Amino acid sequence: MKIKKLRLFVQIFFFVFLVLVVLNHQLEESGSSIPLIPSISLHAICPFGGVETASTLLLYGSYIPKLHQSTLVIFALVFLSSILFGPILCGYICPLGSIQEWIGKIGRKLFKKKYNHFVPEKLDKSLRYLRYISLIAVVYLTGKTLTLIFLDVDPYYALMNFYTGEVAIGALITLTVTLLLSLFVERPWCKYACPYGALLGLTNLIRLFSIKRKEATCVNCHLCDNVCPMNIEVSKKQSIRDHQCISCHECTSDEHCPIPETVMIESIFKKEVK
């Protein structure tokens, strides 16, 4: 199975699974449930909740109400996988990232080559650092208030719970804007605002299995650049360690690169061949 088909399968699986988990949690409160689906609060399996919990524990020695110790375990597993393979949670698992990508397919059909290139390059590069400001602000304010202050604007929580009446207006607005922008910019939330993506993106700098381009066989067709949802110029790099990479593997040789084993996943311990 090619990586692209595998990734789509994984995206759909986790999207449906999380929807069913949230729905089952709601149903259990009314005395019913969905067979074989666990009844878990979304807060208990929120990967970013682990970041908030860990920072609050380190700074203040206490847990945040609503969050569970399980978030620390999930955070550790996600961070370990990111150290190995980069932020695969972003490229394969996150339902908010997936739905932005699926809406983006409509935008790509509507706007063709113009899609994902509406934002001027200089402005785009500057906007990408906003998510680090978002990360610092969320961690700081959560620690100071000991509340899930990010819930008020969190599009992920809004996506999973929009029908429950428990979602803040700010979060619904953020979700709506994100989905609308996805028609013009691929994964706008991931690029410019996601605090968790900002943190996981840093693992690209040290990941053990990185995406590499072999110059000797590259024909400079730039297909890898064109298909990258994060607008990374893969064709100009030997090793893709950009903080924006989401490990979607669209650029690799078994997907869009026409030359076998030119853009591929390799261990840092393997000697590079130019």
C-alpha atoms as a PDB file:
ATOM      1  CA  MET A   1       0.000   0.000   0.000  1.00  0.00           C
ATOM      2  CA  LYS A   2       1.384   3.407  -0.969  1.00  0.00           C
ATOM      3  CA  ILE A   3       1.934   5.987   1.750  1.00  0.00           C
ATOM      4  CA  LYS A   4      -0.787   8.257   0.364  1.00  0.00           C
ATOM      5  CA  LYS A   5      -3.462   5.542   0.554  1.00  0.00           C
ATOM      6  CA  LEU A   6      -2.245   4.460   3.972  1.00  0.00           C
ATOM      7  CA  ARG A   7      -2.335   8.035   5.245  1.00  0.00           C
ATOM      8  CA  LEU A   8      -5.885   8.604   3.981  1.00  0.00           C
ATOM      9  CA  PHE A   9      -7.010   5.386   5.665  1.00  0.00           C
ATOM     10  CA  VAL A  10      -5.391   6.443   8.967  1.00  0.00           C
ATOM     11  CA  GLN A  11      -6.902   9.950   8.712  1.00  0.00           C
ATOM     12  CA  ILE A  12     -10.415   8.610   8.124  1.00  0.00           C
ATOM     13  CA  PHE A  13     -10.035   5.989  10.866  1.00  0.00           C
ATOM     14  CA  PHE A  14      -9.016   8.485  13.545  1.00  0.00           C
ATOM     15  CA  PHE A  15     -11.556  11.074  12.413  1.00  0.00           C
ATOM     16  CA  VAL A  16     -14.431   8.576  12.646  1.00  0.00           C
ATOM     17  CA  PHE A  17     -13.080   7.029  15.855  1.00  0.00           C
ATOM     18  CA  LEU A  18     -12.831  10.368  17.669  1.00  0.00           C
ATOM     19  CA  VAL A  19     -16.287  11.422  16.491  1.00  0.00           C
ATOM     20  CA  LEU A  20     -17.693   8.153  17.863  1.00  0.00           C
ATOM     21  CA  VAL A  21     -15.790   8.533  21.149  1.00  0.00           C
ATOM     22  CA  VAL A  22     -17.198  12.019  21.718  1.00  0.00           C
ATOM     23  CA  LEU A  23     -20.688  10.918  20.672  1.00  0.00           C
ATOM     24  CA  ASN A  24     -20.498   7.884  22.953  1.00  0.00           C
ATOM     25  CA  HIS A  25     -19.490  10.044  25.895  1.00  0.00           C
ATOM     26  CA  GLN A  26     -22.541  12.218  25.278  1.00  0.00           C
ATOM     27  CA  LEU A  27     -24.838   9.197  24.923  1.00  0.00           C
ATOM     28  CA  GLU A  28     -23.583   7.633  28.156  1.00  0.00           C
ATOM     29  CA  GLU A  29     -24.826  10.652  30.070  1.00  0.00           C
ATOM     30  CA  SER A  30     -28.348   9.771  28.866  1.00  0.00           C
ATOM     31  CA  GLY A  31     -27.978   6.078  29.739  1.00  0.00           C
ATOM     32  CA  SER A  32     -27.089   4.618  26.333  1.00  0.00           C
ATOM     33  CA  SER A  33     -23.856   3.876  24.502  1.00  0.00           C
ATOM     34  CA  ILE A  34     -22.281   2.665  21.267  1.00  0.00           C
ATOM     35  CA  PRO A  35     -21.011  -0.956  21.468  1.00  0.00           C
ATOM     36  CA  LEU A  36     -17.218  -1.450  21.379  1.00  0.00           C
ATOM     37  CA  ILE A  37     -16.547   2.299  21.554  1.00  0.00           C
ATOM     38  CA  PRO A  38     -14.922   3.509  24.795  1.00  0.00           C
ATOM     39  CA  SER A  39     -16.609   6.255  26.778  1.00  0.00           C
ATOM     40  CA  ILE A  40     -13.816   8.761  27.253  1.00  0.00           C
ATOM     41  CA  SER A  41     -13.891  12.492  27.726  1.00  0.00           C
ATOM     42  CA  LEU A  42     -12.183  14.386  24.897  1.00  0.00           C
ATOM     43  CA  HIS A  43     -10.108  16.095  27.593  1.00  0.00           C
ATOM     44  CA  ALA A  44      -8.696  12.710  28.625  1.00  0.00           C
ATOM     45  CA  ILE A  45      -7.248  12.013  25.168  1.00  0.00           C
ATOM     46  CA  CYS A  46      -6.265  15.539  24.149  1.00  0.00           C
ATOM     47  CA  PRO A  47      -2.573  15.500  23.149  1.00  0.00           C
ATOM     48  CA  PHE A  48      -2.157  19.241  23.727  1.00  0.00           C
ATOM     49  CA  GLY A  49      -3.681  18.785  27.178  1.00  0.00           C
ATOM     50  CA  GLY A  50      -0.468  16.972  28.072  1.00  0.00           C
ATOM     51  CA  VAL A  51       1.536  20.104  27.281  1.00  0.00           C
ATOM     52  CA  GLU A  52      -0.731  22.214  29.468  1.00  0.00           C
ATOM     53  CA  THR A  53      -0.659  19.632  32.261  1.00  0.00           C
ATOM     54  CA  ALA A  54       3.118  19.186  32.175  1.00  0.00           C
ATOM     55  CA  SER A  55       3.833  22.920  32.177  1.00  0.00           C
ATOM     56  CA  THR A  56       1.372  23.564  35.008  1.00  0.00           C
ATOM     57  CA  LEU A  57       2.844  20.719  37.062  1.00  0.00           C
ATOM     58  CA  LEU A  58       6.377  22.022  36.561  1.00  0.00           C
ATOM     59  CA  LEU A  59       5.519  25.628  37.352  1.00  0.00           C
ATOM     60  CA  TYR A  60       2.804  25.291  39.984  1.00  0.00           C
ATOM     61  CA  GLY A  61       2.806  21.650  41.099  1.00  0.00           C
ATOM     62  CA  SER A  62      -0.880  21.119  40.394  1.00  0.00           C
ATOM     63  CA  TYR A  63      -3.223  19.668  37.774  1.00  0.00           C
ATOM     64  CA  ILE A  64      -5.684  21.639  35.699  1.00  0.00           C
ATOM     65  CA  PRO A  65      -9.342  20.808  36.403  1.00  0.00           C
ATOM     66  CA  LYS A  66     -10.974  18.734  33.600  1.00  0.00           C
ATOM     67  CA  LEU A  67      -7.652  17.375  32.377  1.00  0.00           C
ATOM     68  CA  HIS A  68      -6.540  13.848  33.198  1.00  0.00           C
ATOM     69  CA  GLN A  69      -3.184  12.297  33.988  1.00  0.00           C
ATOM     70  CA  SER A  70      -3.701  10.243  30.817  1.00  0.00           C
ATOM     71  CA  THR A  71      -2.893  13.368  28.806  1.00  0.00           C
ATOM     72  CA  LEU A  72       0.692  13.152  30.076  1.00  0.00           C
ATOM     73  CA  VAL A  73       0.998   9.582  28.775  1.00  0.00           C
ATOM     74  CA  ILE A  74      -0.440  10.579  25.390  1.00  0.00           C
ATOM     75  CA  PHE A  75       1.840  13.604  25.229  1.00  0.00           C
ATOM     76  CA  ALA A  76       4.878  11.412  25.961  1.00  0.00           C
ATOM     77  CA  LEU A  77       3.910   8.908  23.243  1.00  0.00           C
ATOM     78  CA  VAL A  78       3.256  11.625  20.661  1.00  0.00           C
ATOM     79  CA  PHE A  79       6.492  13.424  21.494  1.00  0.00           C
ATOM     80  CA  LEU A  80       8.489  10.189  21.270  1.00  0.00           C
ATOM     81  CA  SER A  81       6.971   9.360  17.871  1.00  0.00           C
ATOM     82  CA  SER A  82       7.791  12.897  16.720  1.00  0.00           C
ATOM     83  CA  ILE A  83      11.412  12.539  17.807  1.00  0.00           C
ATOM     84  CA  LEU A  84      11.573   9.422  15.651  1.00  0.00           C
ATOM     85  CA  PHE A  85       9.513  10.355  12.589  1.00  0.00           C
ATOM     86  CA  GLY A  86       8.584  14.034  12.931  1.00  0.00           C
ATOM     87  CA  PRO A  87       5.063  15.357  13.694  1.00  0.00           C
ATOM     88  CA  ILE A  88       3.128  12.433  12.223  1.00  0.00           C
ATOM     89  CA  LEU A  89       0.212  13.300  14.511  1.00  0.00           C
ATOM     90  CA  CYS A  90      -0.243  16.440  12.404  1.00  0.00           C
ATOM     91  CA  GLY A  91      -0.012  14.676   9.047  1.00  0.00           C
ATOM     92  CA  TYR A  92      -1.851  11.460   9.853  1.00  0.00           C
ATOM     93  CA  ILE A  93      -4.035  11.668  12.964  1.00  0.00           C
ATOM     94  CA  CYS A  94      -5.292  15.163  13.848  1.00  0.00           C
ATOM     95  CA  PRO A  95      -8.946  15.433  12.697  1.00  0.00           C
ATOM     96  CA  LEU A  96      -8.751  19.210  12.418  1.00  0.00           C
ATOM     97  CA  GLY A  97      -5.757  18.916  10.105  1.00  0.00           C
ATOM     98  CA  SER A  98      -7.538  16.246   8.066  1.00  0.00           C
ATOM     99  CA  ILE A  99     -10.727  18.226   7.533  1.00  0.00           C
ATOM    100  CA  GLN A 100      -8.747  21.307   6.498  1.00  0.00           C
ATOM    101  CA  GLU A 101      -6.934  19.138   3.970  1.00  0.00           C
ATOM    102  CA  TRP A 102     -10.168  17.631   2.617  1.00  0.00           C
ATOM    103  CA  ILE A 103     -11.765  21.053   2.205  1.00  0.00           C
ATOM    104  CA  GLY A 104      -8.538  22.160   0.548  1.00  0.00           C
ATOM    105  CA  LYS A 105      -9.130  19.616  -2.216  1.00  0.00           C
ATOM    106  CA  ILE A 106     -12.195  21.666  -3.184  1.00  0.00           C
ATOM    107  CA  GLY A 107     -10.109  24.829  -3.157  1.00  0.00           C
ATOM    108  CA  ARG A 108      -7.477  23.187  -5.341  1.00  0.00           C
ATOM    109  CA  LYS A 109     -10.136  22.299  -7.935  1.00  0.00           C
ATOM    110  CA  LEU A 110     -11.578  25.817  -7.836  1.00  0.00           C
ATOM    111  CA  PHE A 111      -8.359  27.817  -7.985  1.00  0.00           C
ATOM    112  CA  LYS A 112      -5.927  25.350  -9.639  1.00  0.00           C
ATOM    113  CA  LYS A 113      -2.310  26.554  -9.356  1.00  0.00           C
ATOM    114  CA  LYS A 114      -3.333  29.690  -7.494  1.00  0.00           C
ATOM    115  CA  TYR A 115      -4.530  27.595  -4.558  1.00  0.00           C
ATOM    116  CA  ASN A 116      -2.246  27.789  -1.522  1.00  0.00           C
ATOM    117  CA  HIS A 117      -0.421  30.746  -3.066  1.00  0.00           C
ATOM    118  CA  PHE A 118      -2.790  33.606  -2.253  1.00  0.00           C
ATOM    119  CA  VAL A 119      -0.700  34.912   0.647  1.00  0.00           C
ATOM    120  CA  PRO A 120       2.399  36.874  -0.463  1.00  0.00           C
ATOM    121  CA  GLU A 121       5.584  34.949   0.326  1.00  0.00           C
ATOM    122  CA  LYS A 122       7.087  37.499   2.729  1.00  0.00           C
ATOM    123  CA  LEU A 123       3.842  37.855   4.659  1.00  0.00           C
ATOM    124  CA  ASP A 124       3.394  34.090   4.699  1.00  0.00           C
ATOM    125  CA  LYS A 125       6.834  33.533   6.245  1.00  0.00           C
ATOM    126  CA  SER A 126       6.142  36.110   8.946  1.00  0.00           C
ATOM    127  CA  LEU A 127       2.692  34.741   9.776  1.00  0.00           C
ATOM    128  CA  ARG A 128       4.111  31.263  10.354  1.00  0.00           C
ATOM    129  CA  TYR A 129       5.738  32.412  13.600  1.00  0.00           C
ATOM    130  CA  LEU A 130       2.363  33.392  15.063  1.00  0.00           C
ATOM    131  CA  ARG A 131       1.829  29.840  16.218  1.00  0.00           C
ATOM    132  CA  TYR A 132       4.855  30.141  18.532  1.00  0.00           C
ATOM    133  CA  ILE A 133       3.308  33.230  20.078  1.00  0.00           C
ATOM    134  CA  SER A 134       0.111  31.179  20.408  1.00  0.00           C
ATOM    135  CA  LEU A 135       2.019  28.353  22.138  1.00  0.00           C
ATOM    136  CA  ILE A 136       3.705  30.664  24.647  1.00  0.00           C
ATOM    137  CA  ALA A 137       0.480  32.556  25.360  1.00  0.00           C
ATOM    138  CA  VAL A 138      -1.602  29.411  25.905  1.00  0.00           C
ATOM    139  CA  VAL A 139       0.947  27.783  28.226  1.00  0.00           C
ATOM    140  CA  TYR A 140       1.441  31.001  30.215  1.00  0.00           C
ATOM    141  CA  LEU A 141      -2.244  31.875  30.576  1.00  0.00           C
ATOM    142  CA  THR A 142      -3.237  28.290  31.393  1.00  0.00           C
ATOM    143  CA  GLY A 143      -0.629  28.165  34.138  1.00  0.00           C
ATOM    144  CA  LYS A 144      -1.638  31.533  35.566  1.00  0.00           C
ATOM    145  CA  THR A 145      -5.371  30.838  35.609  1.00  0.00           C
ATOM    146  CA  LEU A 146      -5.300  27.029  36.083  1.00  0.00           C
ATOM    147  CA  THR A 147      -8.183  26.844  33.609  1.00  0.00           C
ATOM    148  CA  LEU A 148      -8.468  25.577  30.048  1.00  0.00           C
ATOM    149  CA  ILE A 149      -8.486  29.108  28.680  1.00  0.00           C
ATOM    150  CA  PHE A 150      -7.704  27.832  25.159  1.00  0.00           C
ATOM    151  CA  LEU A 151     -11.144  26.172  25.019  1.00  0.00           C
ATOM    152  CA  ASP A 152     -12.671  29.567  24.301  1.00  0.00           C
ATOM    153  CA  VAL A 153     -11.012  29.647  20.878  1.00  0.00           C
ATOM    154  CA  ASP A 154     -10.056  26.000  20.259  1.00  0.00           C
ATOM    155  CA  PRO A 155     -11.279  24.899  16.788  1.00  0.00           C
ATOM    156  CA  TYR A 156     -10.385  21.255  17.493  1.00  0.00           C
ATOM    157  CA  TYR A 157     -12.722  21.104  20.483  1.00  0.00           C
ATOM    158  CA  ALA A 158     -15.376  22.982  18.486  1.00  0.00           C
ATOM    159  CA  LEU A 159     -15.088  20.517  15.587  1.00  0.00           C
ATOM    160  CA  MET A 160     -15.636  17.528  17.847  1.00  0.00           C
ATOM    161  CA  ASN A 161     -18.376  19.103  20.008  1.00  0.00           C
ATOM    162  CA  PHE A 162     -20.158  21.730  17.877  1.00  0.00           C
ATOM    163  CA  TYR A 163     -23.525  19.958  18.257  1.00  0.00           C
ATOM    164  CA  THR A 164     -23.420  19.692  22.062  1.00  0.00           C
ATOM    165  CA  GLY A 165     -24.050  23.290  23.052  1.00  0.00           C
ATOM    166  CA  GLU A 166     -20.920  23.189  25.229  1.00  0.00           C
ATOM    167  CA  VAL A 167     -18.677  25.066  22.805  1.00  0.00           C
ATOM    168  CA  ALA A 168     -17.774  28.725  23.287  1.00  0.00           C
ATOM    169  CA  ILE A 169     -18.821  31.157  20.541  1.00  0.00           C
ATOM    170  CA  GLY A 170     -15.176  32.135  20.068  1.00  0.00           C
ATOM    171  CA  ALA A 171     -14.229  28.526  19.316  1.00  0.00           C
ATOM    172  CA  LEU A 172     -17.055  28.161  16.786  1.00  0.00           C
ATOM    173  CA  ILE A 173     -15.969  31.381  15.078  1.00  0.00           C
ATOM    174  CA  THR A 174     -12.356  30.176  14.959  1.00  0.00           C
ATOM    175  CA  LEU A 175     -13.460  26.851  13.471  1.00  0.00           C
ATOM    176  CA  THR A 176     -15.661  28.528  10.852  1.00  0.00           C
ATOM    177  CA  VAL A 177     -12.894  30.927   9.795  1.00  0.00           C
ATOM    178  CA  THR A 178     -10.381  28.071   9.658  1.00  0.00           C
ATOM    179  CA  LEU A 179     -12.598  25.942   7.417  1.00  0.00           C
ATOM    180  CA  LEU A 180     -13.407  28.869   5.113  1.00  0.00           C
ATOM    181  CA  LEU A 181      -9.736  29.812   4.793  1.00  0.00           C
ATOM    182  CA  SER A 182      -8.994  26.194   3.902  1.00  0.00           C
ATOM    183  CA  LEU A 183     -10.611  26.884   0.517  1.00  0.00           C
ATOM    184  CA  PHE A 184      -7.746  29.298  -0.234  1.00  0.00           C
ATOM    185  CA  VAL A 185      -4.829  28.224   1.977  1.00  0.00           C
ATOM    186  CA  GLU A 186      -3.966  24.607   2.739  1.00  0.00           C
ATOM    187  CA  ARG A 187      -4.111  23.886   6.473  1.00  0.00           C
ATOM    188  CA  PRO A 188      -4.281  27.554   7.587  1.00  0.00           C
ATOM    189  CA  TRP A 189      -4.655  26.681  11.276  1.00  0.00           C
ATOM    190  CA  CYS A 190      -1.646  24.339  11.102  1.00  0.00           C
ATOM    191  CA  LYS A 191       0.477  26.943   9.319  1.00  0.00           C
ATOM    192  CA  TYR A 192      -0.290  30.040  11.330  1.00  0.00           C
ATOM    193  CA  ALA A 193      -1.984  29.360  14.664  1.00  0.00           C
ATOM    194  CA  CYS A 194      -1.743  25.819  16.074  1.00  0.00           C
ATOM    195  CA  PRO A 195       0.227  25.871  19.357  1.00  0.00           C
ATOM    196  CA  TYR A 196       0.663  22.109  19.414  1.00  0.00           C
ATOM    197  CA  GLY A 197       1.873  22.071  15.820  1.00  0.00           C
ATOM    198  CA  ALA A 198       4.415  24.716  16.798  1.00  0.00           C
ATOM    199  CA  LEU A 199       5.828  22.487  19.516  1.00  0.00           C
ATOM    200  CA  LEU A 200       5.844  19.285  17.458  1.00  0.00           C
ATOM    201  CA  GLY A 201       7.321  21.133  14.481  1.00  0.00           C
ATOM    202  CA  LEU A 202      10.505  21.699  16.463  1.00  0.00           C
ATOM    203  CA  THR A 203      11.111  17.941  16.523  1.00  0.00           C
ATOM    204  CA  ASN A 204      11.889  18.161  12.800  1.00  0.00           C
ATOM    205  CA  LEU A 205      15.224  19.655  13.811  1.00  0.00           C
ATOM    206  CA  ILE A 206      16.244  16.491  15.679  1.00  0.00           C
ATOM    207  CA  ARG A 207      14.071  13.695  14.278  1.00  0.00           C
ATOM    208  CA  LEU A 208      15.896  10.402  13.739  1.00  0.00           C
ATOM    209  CA  PHE A 209      14.121   9.392  10.520  1.00  0.00           C
ATOM    210  CA  SER A 210      14.070  12.445   8.293  1.00  0.00           C
ATOM    211  CA  ILE A 211      12.938  13.106   4.729  1.00  0.00           C
ATOM    212  CA  LYS A 212      15.934  13.446   2.435  1.00  0.00           C
ATOM    213  CA  ARG A 213      16.432  14.390  -1.204  1.00  0.00           C
ATOM    214  CA  LYS A 214      19.184  12.748  -3.263  1.00  0.00           C
ATOM    215  CA  GLU A 215      20.681  15.444  -5.493  1.00  0.00           C
ATOM    216  CA  ALA A 216      22.317  12.921  -7.836  1.00  0.00           C
ATOM    217  CA  THR A 217      18.980  11.586  -9.101  1.00  0.00           C
ATOM    218  CA  CYS A 218      16.815  14.724  -8.715  1.00  0.00           C
ATOM    219  CA  VAL A 219      15.583  16.085 -12.071  1.00  0.00           C
ATOM    220  CA  ASN A 220      14.396  19.411 -10.607  1.00  0.00           C
ATOM    221  CA  CYS A 221      10.807  18.918 -11.695  1.00  0.00           C
ATOM    222  CA  HIS A 222       9.623  20.710  -8.515  1.00  0.00           C
ATOM    223  CA  LEU A 223       6.696  18.338  -8.073  1.00  0.00           C
ATOM    224  CA  CYS A 224       7.743  17.904  -4.448  1.00  0.00           C
ATOM    225  CA  ASP A 225       7.428  21.674  -3.936  1.00  0.00           C
ATOM    226  CA  ASN A 226       4.027  21.823  -5.612  1.00  0.00           C
ATOM    227  CA  VAL A 227       2.447  19.077  -3.519  1.00  0.00           C
ATOM    228  CA  CYS A 228       3.813  20.181  -0.141  1.00  0.00           C
ATOM    229  CA  PRO A 229       0.831  21.496   1.876  1.00  0.00           C
ATOM    230  CA  MET A 230       3.156  23.648   3.979  1.00  0.00           C
ATOM    231  CA  ASN A 231       4.853  25.274   0.936  1.00  0.00           C
ATOM    232  CA  ILE A 232       8.298  23.922   1.825  1.00  0.00           C
ATOM    233  CA  GLU A 233      10.766  24.117  -1.077  1.00  0.00           C
ATOM    234  CA  VAL A 234      11.826  20.489  -0.891  1.00  0.00           C
ATOM    235  CA  SER A 235      13.751  20.715  -4.182  1.00  0.00           C
ATOM    236  CA  LYS A 236      16.265  23.114  -2.605  1.00  0.00           C
ATOM    237  CA  LYS A 237      17.070  20.959   0.420  1.00  0.00           C
ATOM    238  CA  GLN A 238      19.025  17.776   1.039  1.00  0.00           C
ATOM    239  CA  SER A 239      17.336  17.066   4.365  1.00  0.00           C
ATOM    240  CA  ILE A 240      13.842  18.330   5.124  1.00  0.00           C
ATOM    241  CA  ARG A 241      14.083  19.715   8.646  1.00  0.00           C
ATOM    242  CA  ASP A 242      11.777  22.684   8.270  1.00  0.00           C
ATOM    243  CA  HIS A 243       9.813  23.469  11.445  1.00  0.00           C
ATOM    244  CA  GLN A 244       6.633  23.538   9.341  1.00  0.00           C
ATOM    245  CA  CYS A 245       6.920  19.966   8.019  1.00  0.00           C
ATOM    246  CA  ILE A 246       3.936  17.838   9.121  1.00  0.00           C
ATOM    247  CA  SER A 247       5.368  14.480   7.959  1.00  0.00           C
ATOM    248  CA  CYS A 248       2.602  13.914   5.417  1.00  0.00           C
ATOM    249  CA  HIS A 249       5.140  12.297   3.019  1.00  0.00           C
ATOM    250  CA  GLU A 250       3.415  13.751  -0.058  1.00  0.00           C
ATOM    251  CA  CYS A 251       6.837  14.671  -1.474  1.00  0.00           C
ATOM    252  CA  THR A 252       8.351  11.197  -1.283  1.00  0.00           C
ATOM    253  CA  SER A 253       9.260   9.040  -4.278  1.00  0.00           C
ATOM    254  CA  ASP A 254       6.410   6.576  -3.894  1.00  0.00           C
ATOM    255  CA  GLU A 255       3.868   9.400  -4.089  1.00  0.00           C
ATOM    256  CA  HIS A 256       4.714  12.325  -6.356  1.00  0.00           C
ATOM    257  CA  CYS A 257       8.440  12.246  -7.044  1.00  0.00           C
ATOM    258  CA  PRO A 258       8.897  10.553 -10.466  1.00  0.00           C
ATOM    259  CA  ILE A 259      12.354   9.146  -9.677  1.00  0.00           C
ATOM    260  CA  PRO A 260      12.501   6.196  -7.257  1.00  0.00           C
ATOM    261  CA  GLU A 261      14.444   6.712  -4.039  1.00  0.00           C
ATOM    262  CA  THR A 262      15.095  10.396  -4.671  1.00  0.00           C
ATOM    263  CA  VAL A 263      12.936  11.912  -1.924  1.00  0.00           C
ATOM    264  CA  MET A 264      12.570   9.363   0.822  1.00  0.00           C
ATOM    265  CA  ILE A 265      12.592   8.664   4.548  1.00  0.00           C
ATOM    266  CA  GLU A 266      16.026   7.785   5.881  1.00  0.00           C
ATOM    267  CA  SER A 267      17.642   7.348   9.276  1.00  0.00           C
ATOM    268  CA  ILE A 268      20.148   9.986  10.351  1.00  0.00           C
ATOM    269  CA  PHE A 269      22.549   7.116  10.986  1.00  0.00           C
ATOM    270  CA  LYS A 270      22.667   6.208   7.304  1.00  0.00           C
ATOM    271  CA  LYS A 271      25.443   7.849   5.361  1.00  0.00           C
ATOM    272  CA  GLU A 272      24.059  10.467   2.978  1.00  0.00           C
ATOM    273  CA  VAL A 273      24.442   9.909  -0.743  1.00  0.00           C
ATOM    274  CA  LYS A 274      24.515  13.147  -2.747  1.00  0.00           C
END
